[in-house]
Amino acid sequence: MKYLNSSLPAYVVALILLASFQCISPGVQAQAPSASFKLPIPAGFTTEEFPLPPDFAPTFTFKGVEEIRFHPGWGDSTSKGYWSYTYLWWLEGTPVINEAALTSNLKAYYEGLVGRNITSRKIPAEKVVPTVVSIKKAQSKGNDKATFTGTVSMLDYMTQRPMVLHAVIHVKDAGKLGKTAVIIEVSPQQTGGDVWKQLDEVPDGFAIK
């Protein structure tokens, strides 16, 4: 699948998006963490949930659950929302969250995700590019314990072209539950603009119950 037909019914598009992301192994169900926190679902967004570490990233070191909020245009290469989504890492305990930990785990995550799709989509070797992650600490936003920004340079396995995802990472306070909340926003779009305003609804509305 290279492109999605925008005339398809919404429920069909949602099914295609989930199949394309290919994060969950058949039969694997994540434990629902939603009773512990509120994670908004912006209008038109679709969701997915799976355990961490993901099965496609064996060197990923964090443990917990991931919840995703996909932008409506996530799988449509003609949309400004293409490859735009926000996801929560709801982590066990209080692991160190710094530039090095985020860089290594995001590299493992996206390298594994791309690698799985290279295999399943039979993408020619000459189209494959290295996955490179760059993360730096930024001025904290809102009620973040810490905020980071960066980029993920990788192969867009849907169009089979190189792509750069811009990232904003929010570390939230969940210490009273013995958890760590890391909310990651990514998009090929430069930060700011309508797409990012939609993505921002997720970290802005996150709350511990």
N, C-alpha and C. Protein backbone atom coordinates (compact mmCIF):
# COMPACT_ATOMS: atom_id res chain seq x y z
N MET A 1 0.85 -1.20 0.00
CA MET A 1 0.00 0.00 0.00
C MET A 1 0.87 1.23 0.00
N LYS A 2 0.74 2.09 -1.02
CA LYS A 2 1.50 3.33 -1.07
C LYS A 2 0.66 4.50 -0.62
N TYR A 3 -0.53 4.57 -1.09
CA TYR A 3 -1.40 5.71 -0.79
C TYR A 3 -2.76 5.20 -0.38
N LEU A 4 -3.47 6.00 0.40
CA LEU A 4 -4.83 5.66 0.77
C LEU A 4 -5.80 6.48 -0.07
N ASN A 5 -6.86 5.86 -0.52
CA ASN A 5 -7.89 6.55 -1.28
C ASN A 5 -8.80 7.29 -0.31
N SER A 6 -8.83 8.61 -0.41
CA SER A 6 -9.60 9.42 0.55
C SER A 6 -11.10 9.19 0.43
N SER A 7 -11.54 8.49 -0.65
CA SER A 7 -12.96 8.23 -0.79
C SER A 7 -13.40 6.99 -0.03
N LEU A 8 -12.46 6.25 0.55
CA LEU A 8 -12.82 5.06 1.31
C LEU A 8 -13.61 5.45 2.54
N PRO A 9 -14.53 4.58 3.00
CA PRO A 9 -15.24 4.85 4.26
C PRO A 9 -14.27 4.98 5.41
N ALA A 10 -14.63 5.78 6.41
CA ALA A 10 -13.73 6.07 7.53
C ALA A 10 -13.31 4.80 8.25
N TYR A 11 -14.25 3.86 8.42
CA TYR A 11 -13.89 2.65 9.18
C TYR A 11 -12.87 1.81 8.41
N VAL A 12 -12.92 1.83 7.06
CA VAL A 12 -11.95 1.09 6.26
C VAL A 12 -10.57 1.74 6.38
N VAL A 13 -10.53 3.07 6.32
CA VAL A 13 -9.26 3.79 6.48
C VAL A 13 -8.64 3.46 7.83
N ALA A 14 -9.46 3.45 8.88
CA ALA A 14 -8.93 3.16 10.22
C ALA A 14 -8.31 1.77 10.27
N LEU A 15 -8.95 0.78 9.65
CA LEU A 15 -8.41 -0.57 9.64
C LEU A 15 -7.10 -0.63 8.88
N ILE A 16 -7.00 0.11 7.77
CA ILE A 16 -5.77 0.13 6.98
C ILE A 16 -4.65 0.75 7.77
N LEU A 17 -4.94 1.82 8.49
CA LEU A 17 -3.91 2.48 9.29
C LEU A 17 -3.33 1.54 10.33
N LEU A 18 -4.19 0.84 11.03
CA LEU A 18 -3.72 -0.06 12.08
C LEU A 18 -2.91 -1.19 11.50
N ALA A 19 -3.33 -1.72 10.36
CA ALA A 19 -2.57 -2.79 9.71
C ALA A 19 -1.22 -2.29 9.25
N SER A 20 -1.17 -1.04 8.75
CA SER A 20 0.08 -0.47 8.27
C SER A 20 1.08 -0.27 9.38
N PHE A 21 0.61 0.21 10.55
CA PHE A 21 1.53 0.45 11.66
C PHE A 21 2.14 -0.85 12.16
N GLN A 22 1.36 -1.94 12.16
CA GLN A 22 1.83 -3.28 12.45
C GLN A 22 2.62 -3.36 13.74
N CYS A 23 2.04 -2.95 14.82
CA CYS A 23 2.74 -2.98 16.09
C CYS A 23 2.38 -4.20 16.93
N ILE A 24 1.17 -4.69 16.84
CA ILE A 24 0.72 -5.72 17.75
C ILE A 24 0.81 -7.09 17.09
N SER A 25 1.42 -8.04 17.77
CA SER A 25 1.45 -9.41 17.28
C SER A 25 0.07 -10.02 17.43
N PRO A 26 -0.32 -10.93 16.54
CA PRO A 26 -1.65 -11.54 16.66
C PRO A 26 -1.84 -12.18 18.04
N GLY A 27 -2.98 -11.87 18.64
CA GLY A 27 -3.31 -12.47 19.92
C GLY A 27 -2.76 -11.76 21.13
N VAL A 28 -1.89 -10.75 20.94
CA VAL A 28 -1.30 -10.04 22.08
C VAL A 28 -2.23 -8.91 22.49
N GLN A 29 -2.60 -8.86 23.73
CA GLN A 29 -3.45 -7.80 24.24
C GLN A 29 -2.75 -7.07 25.36
N ALA A 30 -2.74 -5.74 25.32
CA ALA A 30 -2.14 -4.96 26.38
C ALA A 30 -3.09 -4.84 27.55
N GLN A 31 -2.52 -4.69 28.75
CA GLN A 31 -3.35 -4.41 29.91
C GLN A 31 -3.85 -2.97 29.83
N ALA A 32 -5.14 -2.77 29.99
CA ALA A 32 -5.70 -1.43 29.85
C ALA A 32 -5.31 -0.58 31.06
N PRO A 33 -4.55 0.53 30.83
CA PRO A 33 -4.15 1.38 31.93
C PRO A 33 -5.06 2.58 32.12
N SER A 34 -6.13 2.68 31.32
CA SER A 34 -6.89 3.91 31.22
C SER A 34 -7.55 4.33 32.53
N ALA A 35 -7.70 3.39 33.48
CA ALA A 35 -8.32 3.76 34.75
C ALA A 35 -7.44 4.69 35.57
N SER A 36 -6.14 4.74 35.25
CA SER A 36 -5.17 5.51 36.03
C SER A 36 -5.00 6.94 35.54
N PHE A 37 -5.38 7.21 34.30
CA PHE A 37 -5.14 8.54 33.74
C PHE A 37 -6.17 8.87 32.66
N LYS A 38 -6.20 10.14 32.31
CA LYS A 38 -7.02 10.61 31.20
C LYS A 38 -6.08 10.97 30.05
N LEU A 39 -6.32 10.38 28.87
CA LEU A 39 -5.55 10.69 27.68
C LEU A 39 -6.53 11.04 26.57
N PRO A 40 -6.66 12.33 26.23
CA PRO A 40 -7.68 12.75 25.28
C PRO A 40 -7.56 12.07 23.91
N ILE A 41 -8.70 11.94 23.24
CA ILE A 41 -8.75 11.49 21.85
C ILE A 41 -9.33 12.64 21.04
N PRO A 42 -8.50 13.42 20.35
CA PRO A 42 -9.03 14.54 19.56
C PRO A 42 -10.01 14.08 18.49
N ALA A 43 -10.87 14.97 18.05
CA ALA A 43 -11.91 14.63 17.08
C ALA A 43 -11.30 14.02 15.82
N GLY A 44 -11.83 12.86 15.43
CA GLY A 44 -11.39 12.20 14.21
C GLY A 44 -10.19 11.29 14.38
N PHE A 45 -9.50 11.36 15.52
CA PHE A 45 -8.32 10.53 15.74
C PHE A 45 -8.72 9.08 16.00
N THR A 46 -7.83 8.15 15.64
CA THR A 46 -8.02 6.74 15.96
C THR A 46 -6.97 6.34 17.00
N THR A 47 -7.19 5.17 17.63
CA THR A 47 -6.34 4.78 18.75
C THR A 47 -5.79 3.37 18.58
N GLU A 48 -4.74 3.11 19.33
CA GLU A 48 -4.17 1.77 19.40
C GLU A 48 -3.44 1.65 20.73
N GLU A 49 -3.30 0.43 21.21
CA GLU A 49 -2.64 0.19 22.50
C GLU A 49 -1.88 -1.11 22.44
N PHE A 50 -0.67 -1.15 23.00
CA PHE A 50 0.09 -2.39 23.04
C PHE A 50 1.15 -2.34 24.14
N PRO A 51 1.68 -3.49 24.55
CA PRO A 51 2.65 -3.52 25.64
C PRO A 51 4.04 -3.07 25.21
N LEU A 52 4.79 -2.56 26.18
CA LEU A 52 6.20 -2.20 25.98
C LEU A 52 7.07 -3.12 26.82
N PRO A 53 8.23 -3.56 26.32
CA PRO A 53 8.76 -3.23 25.00
C PRO A 53 7.94 -3.86 23.88
N PRO A 54 7.86 -3.19 22.71
CA PRO A 54 7.12 -3.75 21.59
C PRO A 54 7.87 -4.94 21.00
N ASP A 55 7.14 -5.87 20.41
CA ASP A 55 7.79 -7.07 19.89
C ASP A 55 8.72 -6.79 18.72
N PHE A 56 8.58 -5.62 18.08
CA PHE A 56 9.44 -5.31 16.94
C PHE A 56 10.73 -4.61 17.36
N ALA A 57 10.92 -4.33 18.66
CA ALA A 57 12.09 -3.59 19.14
C ALA A 57 12.69 -4.30 20.35
N PRO A 58 13.44 -5.38 20.14
CA PRO A 58 13.94 -6.18 21.26
C PRO A 58 14.94 -5.46 22.16
N THR A 59 15.59 -4.39 21.66
CA THR A 59 16.56 -3.67 22.49
C THR A 59 15.94 -2.48 23.21
N PHE A 60 14.65 -2.28 23.07
CA PHE A 60 13.93 -1.23 23.79
C PHE A 60 13.94 -1.58 25.28
N THR A 61 14.33 -0.63 26.14
CA THR A 61 14.57 -0.97 27.54
C THR A 61 13.43 -0.61 28.49
N PHE A 62 12.52 0.29 28.10
CA PHE A 62 11.43 0.67 28.98
C PHE A 62 10.35 -0.42 28.99
N LYS A 63 9.65 -0.54 30.13
CA LYS A 63 8.56 -1.50 30.26
C LYS A 63 7.28 -0.76 30.65
N GLY A 64 6.17 -1.19 30.05
CA GLY A 64 4.89 -0.56 30.37
C GLY A 64 3.88 -0.80 29.27
N VAL A 65 3.15 0.25 28.94
CA VAL A 65 2.10 0.20 27.92
C VAL A 65 2.19 1.45 27.06
N GLU A 66 1.90 1.31 25.78
CA GLU A 66 1.82 2.47 24.89
C GLU A 66 0.39 2.66 24.43
N GLU A 67 -0.07 3.92 24.46
CA GLU A 67 -1.36 4.28 23.88
C GLU A 67 -1.12 5.34 22.81
N ILE A 68 -1.71 5.12 21.61
CA ILE A 68 -1.46 5.99 20.46
C ILE A 68 -2.74 6.74 20.09
N ARG A 69 -2.54 7.99 19.64
CA ARG A 69 -3.62 8.80 19.07
C ARG A 69 -3.18 9.20 17.66
N PHE A 70 -3.75 8.53 16.64
CA PHE A 70 -3.40 8.78 15.25
C PHE A 70 -4.19 9.96 14.68
N HIS A 71 -3.50 10.91 14.07
CA HIS A 71 -4.16 11.99 13.33
C HIS A 71 -5.01 11.38 12.21
N PRO A 72 -6.17 11.98 11.88
CA PRO A 72 -7.00 11.42 10.80
C PRO A 72 -6.27 11.26 9.47
N GLY A 73 -5.24 12.08 9.23
CA GLY A 73 -4.50 11.99 7.97
C GLY A 73 -3.26 11.13 8.04
N TRP A 74 -3.09 10.38 9.13
CA TRP A 74 -1.85 9.63 9.37
C TRP A 74 -1.40 8.80 8.18
N GLY A 75 -2.30 8.07 7.55
CA GLY A 75 -1.91 7.17 6.47
C GLY A 75 -2.12 7.71 5.07
N ASP A 76 -2.45 8.99 4.94
CA ASP A 76 -2.73 9.60 3.63
C ASP A 76 -1.57 10.52 3.27
N SER A 77 -0.75 10.11 2.31
CA SER A 77 0.45 10.88 1.97
C SER A 77 0.15 12.24 1.36
N THR A 78 -1.11 12.50 0.99
CA THR A 78 -1.48 13.81 0.45
C THR A 78 -1.98 14.75 1.55
N SER A 79 -2.09 14.24 2.79
CA SER A 79 -2.64 15.03 3.89
C SER A 79 -1.52 15.72 4.68
N LYS A 80 -1.82 16.90 5.22
CA LYS A 80 -0.87 17.57 6.10
C LYS A 80 -0.66 16.78 7.38
N GLY A 81 -1.60 15.90 7.71
CA GLY A 81 -1.48 15.08 8.90
C GLY A 81 -0.78 13.75 8.69
N TYR A 82 -0.20 13.56 7.51
CA TYR A 82 0.49 12.31 7.20
C TYR A 82 1.59 12.03 8.23
N TRP A 83 1.63 10.82 8.75
CA TRP A 83 2.62 10.36 9.72
C TRP A 83 2.61 11.22 10.99
N SER A 84 1.49 11.84 11.28
CA SER A 84 1.38 12.68 12.48
C SER A 84 0.56 11.96 13.54
N TYR A 85 1.12 11.82 14.72
CA TYR A 85 0.42 11.14 15.80
C TYR A 85 1.08 11.46 17.13
N THR A 86 0.35 11.21 18.20
CA THR A 86 0.85 11.41 19.56
C THR A 86 0.68 10.10 20.31
N TYR A 87 1.69 9.74 21.09
CA TYR A 87 1.57 8.50 21.84
C TYR A 87 2.15 8.64 23.24
N LEU A 88 1.57 7.87 24.14
CA LEU A 88 1.98 7.85 25.54
C LEU A 88 2.74 6.58 25.85
N TRP A 89 3.91 6.72 26.48
CA TRP A 89 4.57 5.59 27.11
C TRP A 89 4.24 5.66 28.60
N TRP A 90 3.40 4.76 29.07
CA TRP A 90 3.01 4.68 30.47
C TRP A 90 3.92 3.62 31.10
N LEU A 91 5.00 4.09 31.73
CA LEU A 91 6.11 3.21 32.09
C LEU A 91 6.07 2.77 33.54
N GLU A 92 6.53 1.57 33.78
CA GLU A 92 6.63 1.04 35.13
C GLU A 92 7.78 1.71 35.88
N GLY A 93 7.52 2.07 37.13
CA GLY A 93 8.57 2.65 37.96
C GLY A 93 8.97 4.05 37.52
N THR A 94 10.20 4.42 37.86
CA THR A 94 10.69 5.76 37.55
C THR A 94 12.05 5.67 36.85
N PRO A 95 12.08 5.13 35.63
CA PRO A 95 13.35 5.05 34.90
C PRO A 95 13.89 6.43 34.59
N VAL A 96 15.18 6.52 34.40
CA VAL A 96 15.81 7.79 34.03
C VAL A 96 15.35 8.18 32.62
N ILE A 97 14.81 9.38 32.50
CA ILE A 97 14.38 9.89 31.19
C ILE A 97 15.26 11.10 30.87
N ASN A 98 16.25 10.89 30.04
CA ASN A 98 17.14 11.97 29.63
C ASN A 98 17.42 11.84 28.13
N GLU A 99 18.29 12.70 27.62
CA GLU A 99 18.56 12.70 26.19
C GLU A 99 19.06 11.34 25.71
N ALA A 100 19.97 10.75 26.46
CA ALA A 100 20.56 9.47 26.04
C ALA A 100 19.53 8.35 26.04
N ALA A 101 18.70 8.27 27.10
CA ALA A 101 17.70 7.20 27.19
C ALA A 101 16.65 7.34 26.10
N LEU A 102 16.21 8.57 25.85
CA LEU A 102 15.21 8.78 24.80
C LEU A 102 15.79 8.48 23.42
N THR A 103 17.01 8.92 23.18
CA THR A 103 17.64 8.68 21.88
C THR A 103 17.77 7.19 21.60
N SER A 104 18.29 6.43 22.56
CA SER A 104 18.52 5.00 22.33
C SER A 104 17.21 4.24 22.17
N ASN A 105 16.20 4.58 22.97
CA ASN A 105 14.94 3.85 22.89
C ASN A 105 14.12 4.23 21.67
N LEU A 106 14.15 5.50 21.28
CA LEU A 106 13.45 5.89 20.05
C LEU A 106 14.13 5.29 18.83
N LYS A 107 15.45 5.19 18.85
CA LYS A 107 16.16 4.54 17.74
C LYS A 107 15.76 3.07 17.64
N ALA A 108 15.74 2.38 18.80
CA ALA A 108 15.34 0.97 18.80
C ALA A 108 13.91 0.82 18.29
N TYR A 109 13.03 1.73 18.71
CA TYR A 109 11.61 1.70 18.36
C TYR A 109 11.42 1.87 16.85
N TYR A 110 11.96 2.95 16.30
CA TYR A 110 11.71 3.23 14.88
C TYR A 110 12.54 2.34 13.96
N GLU A 111 13.73 1.98 14.38
CA GLU A 111 14.53 1.07 13.58
C GLU A 111 13.81 -0.28 13.46
N GLY A 112 13.24 -0.73 14.58
CA GLY A 112 12.50 -1.98 14.55
C GLY A 112 11.22 -1.90 13.74
N LEU A 113 10.50 -0.79 13.89
CA LEU A 113 9.26 -0.60 13.14
C LEU A 113 9.53 -0.58 11.64
N VAL A 114 10.55 0.18 11.23
CA VAL A 114 10.90 0.23 9.81
C VAL A 114 11.37 -1.14 9.33
N GLY A 115 12.21 -1.80 10.13
CA GLY A 115 12.74 -3.10 9.73
C GLY A 115 11.65 -4.12 9.49
N ARG A 116 10.63 -4.12 10.36
CA ARG A 116 9.52 -5.05 10.18
C ARG A 116 8.81 -4.79 8.85
N ASN A 117 8.63 -3.53 8.51
CA ASN A 117 7.92 -3.20 7.28
C ASN A 117 8.78 -3.38 6.04
N ILE A 118 10.08 -3.23 6.16
CA ILE A 118 10.97 -3.54 5.04
C ILE A 118 10.79 -5.00 4.64
N THR A 119 10.73 -5.86 5.66
CA THR A 119 10.58 -7.29 5.40
C THR A 119 9.21 -7.61 4.83
N SER A 120 8.16 -7.12 5.50
CA SER A 120 6.81 -7.50 5.08
C SER A 120 6.42 -6.90 3.74
N ARG A 121 6.98 -5.73 3.42
CA ARG A 121 6.64 -5.06 2.16
C ARG A 121 7.64 -5.35 1.05
N LYS A 122 8.68 -6.14 1.39
CA LYS A 122 9.72 -6.50 0.41
C LYS A 122 10.32 -5.25 -0.25
N ILE A 123 10.69 -4.27 0.58
CA ILE A 123 11.27 -3.03 0.08
C ILE A 123 12.72 -3.28 -0.37
N PRO A 124 13.10 -2.87 -1.58
CA PRO A 124 14.46 -3.11 -2.09
C PRO A 124 15.52 -2.47 -1.20
N ALA A 125 16.66 -3.13 -1.07
CA ALA A 125 17.74 -2.67 -0.19
C ALA A 125 18.22 -1.28 -0.57
N GLU A 126 18.21 -0.95 -1.85
CA GLU A 126 18.72 0.36 -2.28
C GLU A 126 17.84 1.53 -1.80
N LYS A 127 16.64 1.24 -1.36
CA LYS A 127 15.76 2.30 -0.85
C LYS A 127 15.89 2.50 0.66
N VAL A 128 16.55 1.60 1.32
CA VAL A 128 16.66 1.64 2.78
C VAL A 128 17.68 2.69 3.21
N VAL A 129 17.31 3.49 4.20
CA VAL A 129 18.21 4.51 4.76
C VAL A 129 18.35 4.25 6.26
N PRO A 130 19.48 4.68 6.87
CA PRO A 130 19.64 4.47 8.31
C PRO A 130 18.60 5.25 9.11
N THR A 131 18.26 4.73 10.27
CA THR A 131 17.39 5.43 11.20
C THR A 131 18.28 6.20 12.17
N VAL A 132 18.13 7.53 12.18
CA VAL A 132 18.98 8.39 13.01
C VAL A 132 18.08 9.24 13.90
N VAL A 133 18.35 9.22 15.20
CA VAL A 133 17.54 9.96 16.17
C VAL A 133 18.41 11.01 16.86
N SER A 134 17.89 12.22 16.96
CA SER A 134 18.59 13.31 17.66
C SER A 134 17.61 13.96 18.63
N ILE A 135 17.95 13.94 19.92
CA ILE A 135 17.06 14.47 20.95
C ILE A 135 17.86 15.44 21.83
N LYS A 136 17.24 16.57 22.18
CA LYS A 136 17.89 17.51 23.10
C LYS A 136 16.85 18.05 24.08
N LYS A 137 17.32 18.40 25.27
CA LYS A 137 16.42 18.95 26.28
C LYS A 137 16.05 20.37 25.90
N ALA A 138 14.78 20.73 26.17
CA ALA A 138 14.27 22.06 25.85
C ALA A 138 13.71 22.69 27.11
N GLN A 139 13.29 23.93 26.98
CA GLN A 139 12.62 24.59 28.10
C GLN A 139 11.30 23.88 28.38
N SER A 140 11.04 23.60 29.64
CA SER A 140 9.84 22.85 30.00
C SER A 140 8.58 23.61 29.60
N LYS A 141 7.59 22.86 29.06
CA LYS A 141 6.32 23.45 28.65
C LYS A 141 5.23 23.13 29.66
N GLY A 142 4.39 24.09 29.94
CA GLY A 142 3.22 23.85 30.79
C GLY A 142 3.59 23.18 32.10
N ASN A 143 2.90 22.07 32.38
CA ASN A 143 3.17 21.34 33.62
C ASN A 143 4.09 20.14 33.41
N ASP A 144 4.88 20.14 32.34
CA ASP A 144 5.85 19.07 32.11
C ASP A 144 6.91 19.06 33.21
N LYS A 145 7.31 17.87 33.65
CA LYS A 145 8.49 17.75 34.50
C LYS A 145 9.74 18.06 33.68
N ALA A 146 9.71 17.66 32.40
CA ALA A 146 10.80 17.95 31.46
C ALA A 146 10.23 17.89 30.06
N THR A 147 10.82 18.66 29.16
CA THR A 147 10.41 18.67 27.76
C THR A 147 11.65 18.49 26.89
N PHE A 148 11.51 17.70 25.84
CA PHE A 148 12.60 17.47 24.90
C PHE A 148 12.08 17.68 23.47
N THR A 149 12.99 18.04 22.58
CA THR A 149 12.65 18.15 21.17
C THR A 149 13.69 17.37 20.37
N GLY A 150 13.36 17.08 19.11
CA GLY A 150 14.33 16.37 18.29
C GLY A 150 13.76 15.94 16.97
N THR A 151 14.48 15.04 16.32
CA THR A 151 14.08 14.53 15.01
C THR A 151 14.36 13.02 14.93
N VAL A 152 13.57 12.37 14.09
CA VAL A 152 13.80 10.97 13.73
C VAL A 152 13.90 10.92 12.21
N SER A 153 15.09 10.64 11.69
CA SER A 153 15.30 10.49 10.25
C SER A 153 15.21 9.01 9.92
N MET A 154 14.36 8.65 8.98
CA MET A 154 14.07 7.23 8.75
C MET A 154 13.48 7.02 7.36
N LEU A 155 13.27 5.76 7.02
CA LEU A 155 12.57 5.42 5.80
C LEU A 155 11.06 5.46 6.04
N ASP A 156 10.36 6.21 5.22
CA ASP A 156 8.89 6.15 5.22
C ASP A 156 8.54 4.90 4.41
N TYR A 157 8.16 3.84 5.11
CA TYR A 157 7.95 2.57 4.43
C TYR A 157 6.68 2.56 3.58
N MET A 158 5.81 3.58 3.74
CA MET A 158 4.61 3.62 2.92
C MET A 158 4.89 4.21 1.54
N THR A 159 5.68 5.28 1.49
CA THR A 159 6.05 5.86 0.19
C THR A 159 7.42 5.37 -0.28
N GLN A 160 8.14 4.68 0.60
CA GLN A 160 9.49 4.16 0.31
C GLN A 160 10.46 5.29 -0.05
N ARG A 161 10.33 6.38 0.72
CA ARG A 161 11.23 7.52 0.57
C ARG A 161 11.75 7.95 1.94
N PRO A 162 12.91 8.60 2.01
CA PRO A 162 13.41 9.10 3.30
C PRO A 162 12.46 10.14 3.87
N MET A 163 12.41 10.22 5.19
CA MET A 163 11.50 11.13 5.87
C MET A 163 12.13 11.58 7.18
N VAL A 164 11.78 12.80 7.61
CA VAL A 164 12.20 13.29 8.92
C VAL A 164 10.96 13.61 9.73
N LEU A 165 10.84 12.96 10.89
CA LEU A 165 9.77 13.27 11.83
C LEU A 165 10.30 14.26 12.86
N HIS A 166 9.58 15.35 13.07
CA HIS A 166 9.91 16.28 14.15
C HIS A 166 9.20 15.79 15.41
N ALA A 167 9.89 15.88 16.54
CA ALA A 167 9.35 15.32 17.77
C ALA A 167 9.37 16.33 18.91
N VAL A 168 8.29 16.31 19.70
CA VAL A 168 8.25 17.03 20.98
C VAL A 168 7.86 16.00 22.03
N ILE A 169 8.64 15.92 23.11
CA ILE A 169 8.48 14.88 24.12
C ILE A 169 8.20 15.52 25.47
N HIS A 170 7.12 15.09 26.10
CA HIS A 170 6.70 15.65 27.38
C HIS A 170 6.81 14.57 28.46
N VAL A 171 7.54 14.85 29.52
CA VAL A 171 7.60 13.95 30.67
C VAL A 171 6.67 14.52 31.73
N LYS A 172 5.67 13.72 32.13
CA LYS A 172 4.64 14.19 33.06
C LYS A 172 4.80 13.53 34.43
N ASP A 173 4.27 14.17 35.43
CA ASP A 173 4.35 13.67 36.80
C ASP A 173 3.31 12.58 37.03
N ALA A 174 3.78 11.38 37.33
CA ALA A 174 2.89 10.27 37.70
C ALA A 174 3.48 9.51 38.87
N GLY A 175 4.34 10.18 39.64
CA GLY A 175 5.08 9.52 40.71
C GLY A 175 4.22 8.91 41.78
N LYS A 176 3.07 9.53 42.06
CA LYS A 176 2.23 9.00 43.15
C LYS A 176 1.66 7.63 42.80
N LEU A 177 1.68 7.27 41.52
CA LEU A 177 1.21 5.96 41.09
C LEU A 177 2.36 4.99 40.85
N GLY A 178 3.59 5.45 41.11
CA GLY A 178 4.74 4.61 40.85
C GLY A 178 4.97 4.38 39.36
N LYS A 179 4.58 5.35 38.55
CA LYS A 179 4.69 5.26 37.10
C LYS A 179 5.44 6.48 36.55
N THR A 180 5.80 6.38 35.28
CA THR A 180 6.39 7.51 34.55
C THR A 180 5.60 7.69 33.26
N ALA A 181 5.17 8.91 32.99
CA ALA A 181 4.40 9.21 31.78
C ALA A 181 5.26 10.01 30.81
N VAL A 182 5.46 9.46 29.61
CA VAL A 182 6.20 10.13 28.55
C VAL A 182 5.28 10.24 27.35
N ILE A 183 4.97 11.46 26.93
CA ILE A 183 4.06 11.69 25.80
C ILE A 183 4.87 12.25 24.65
N ILE A 184 4.81 11.57 23.51
CA ILE A 184 5.64 11.90 22.35
C ILE A 184 4.75 12.31 21.18
N GLU A 185 4.99 13.50 20.66
CA GLU A 185 4.30 13.99 19.46
C GLU A 185 5.27 13.95 18.29
N VAL A 186 4.83 13.41 17.15
CA VAL A 186 5.70 13.37 15.97
C VAL A 186 4.92 13.75 14.72
N SER A 187 5.61 14.41 13.81
CA SER A 187 5.01 14.78 12.52
C SER A 187 6.12 15.21 11.57
N PRO A 188 5.96 14.95 10.26
CA PRO A 188 6.89 15.53 9.29
C PRO A 188 6.75 17.04 9.18
N GLN A 189 5.61 17.58 9.65
CA GLN A 189 5.39 19.02 9.63
C GLN A 189 6.27 19.70 10.68
N GLN A 190 6.77 20.88 10.36
CA GLN A 190 7.48 21.67 11.35
C GLN A 190 6.52 22.00 12.50
N THR A 191 7.07 22.09 13.71
CA THR A 191 6.22 22.36 14.87
C THR A 191 5.46 23.68 14.69
N GLY A 192 4.25 23.69 15.21
CA GLY A 192 3.35 24.82 15.00
C GLY A 192 2.35 24.46 13.90
N GLY A 193 1.36 25.28 13.70
CA GLY A 193 0.38 25.03 12.67
C GLY A 193 -0.75 24.15 13.16
N ASP A 194 -1.73 23.94 12.28
CA ASP A 194 -2.96 23.26 12.67
C ASP A 194 -2.73 21.81 13.11
N VAL A 195 -1.86 21.09 12.40
CA VAL A 195 -1.61 19.69 12.76
C VAL A 195 -1.07 19.59 14.18
N TRP A 196 -0.12 20.45 14.52
CA TRP A 196 0.47 20.40 15.86
C TRP A 196 -0.52 20.86 16.93
N LYS A 197 -1.40 21.78 16.57
CA LYS A 197 -2.44 22.17 17.53
C LYS A 197 -3.32 20.99 17.88
N GLN A 198 -3.61 20.15 16.89
CA GLN A 198 -4.42 18.95 17.15
C GLN A 198 -3.63 17.94 17.99
N LEU A 199 -2.37 17.72 17.64
CA LEU A 199 -1.54 16.79 18.40
C LEU A 199 -1.39 17.26 19.85
N ASP A 200 -1.28 18.57 20.03
CA ASP A 200 -1.07 19.13 21.38
C ASP A 200 -2.24 18.88 22.32
N GLU A 201 -3.42 18.59 21.75
CA GLU A 201 -4.58 18.34 22.62
C GLU A 201 -4.34 17.15 23.54
N VAL A 202 -3.49 16.22 23.10
CA VAL A 202 -3.26 15.01 23.90
C VAL A 202 -2.41 15.31 25.14
N PRO A 203 -1.19 15.86 24.99
CA PRO A 203 -0.43 16.17 26.21
C PRO A 203 -1.07 17.26 27.05
N ASP A 204 -1.72 18.22 26.39
CA ASP A 204 -2.35 19.32 27.15
C ASP A 204 -3.49 18.80 28.03
N GLY A 205 -4.17 17.76 27.58
CA GLY A 205 -5.32 17.24 28.33
C GLY A 205 -5.00 16.04 29.20
N PHE A 206 -3.74 15.60 29.20
CA PHE A 206 -3.36 14.46 30.02
C PHE A 206 -3.52 14.80 31.50
N ALA A 207 -4.08 13.86 32.27
CA ALA A 207 -4.24 14.07 33.71
C ALA A 207 -4.26 12.74 34.43
N ILE A 208 -3.70 12.74 35.61
CA ILE A 208 -3.78 11.57 36.49
C ILE A 208 -5.13 11.56 37.18
N LYS A 209 -5.79 10.43 37.24
CA LYS A 209 -7.10 10.34 37.89
C LYS A 209 -6.93 10.10 39.38
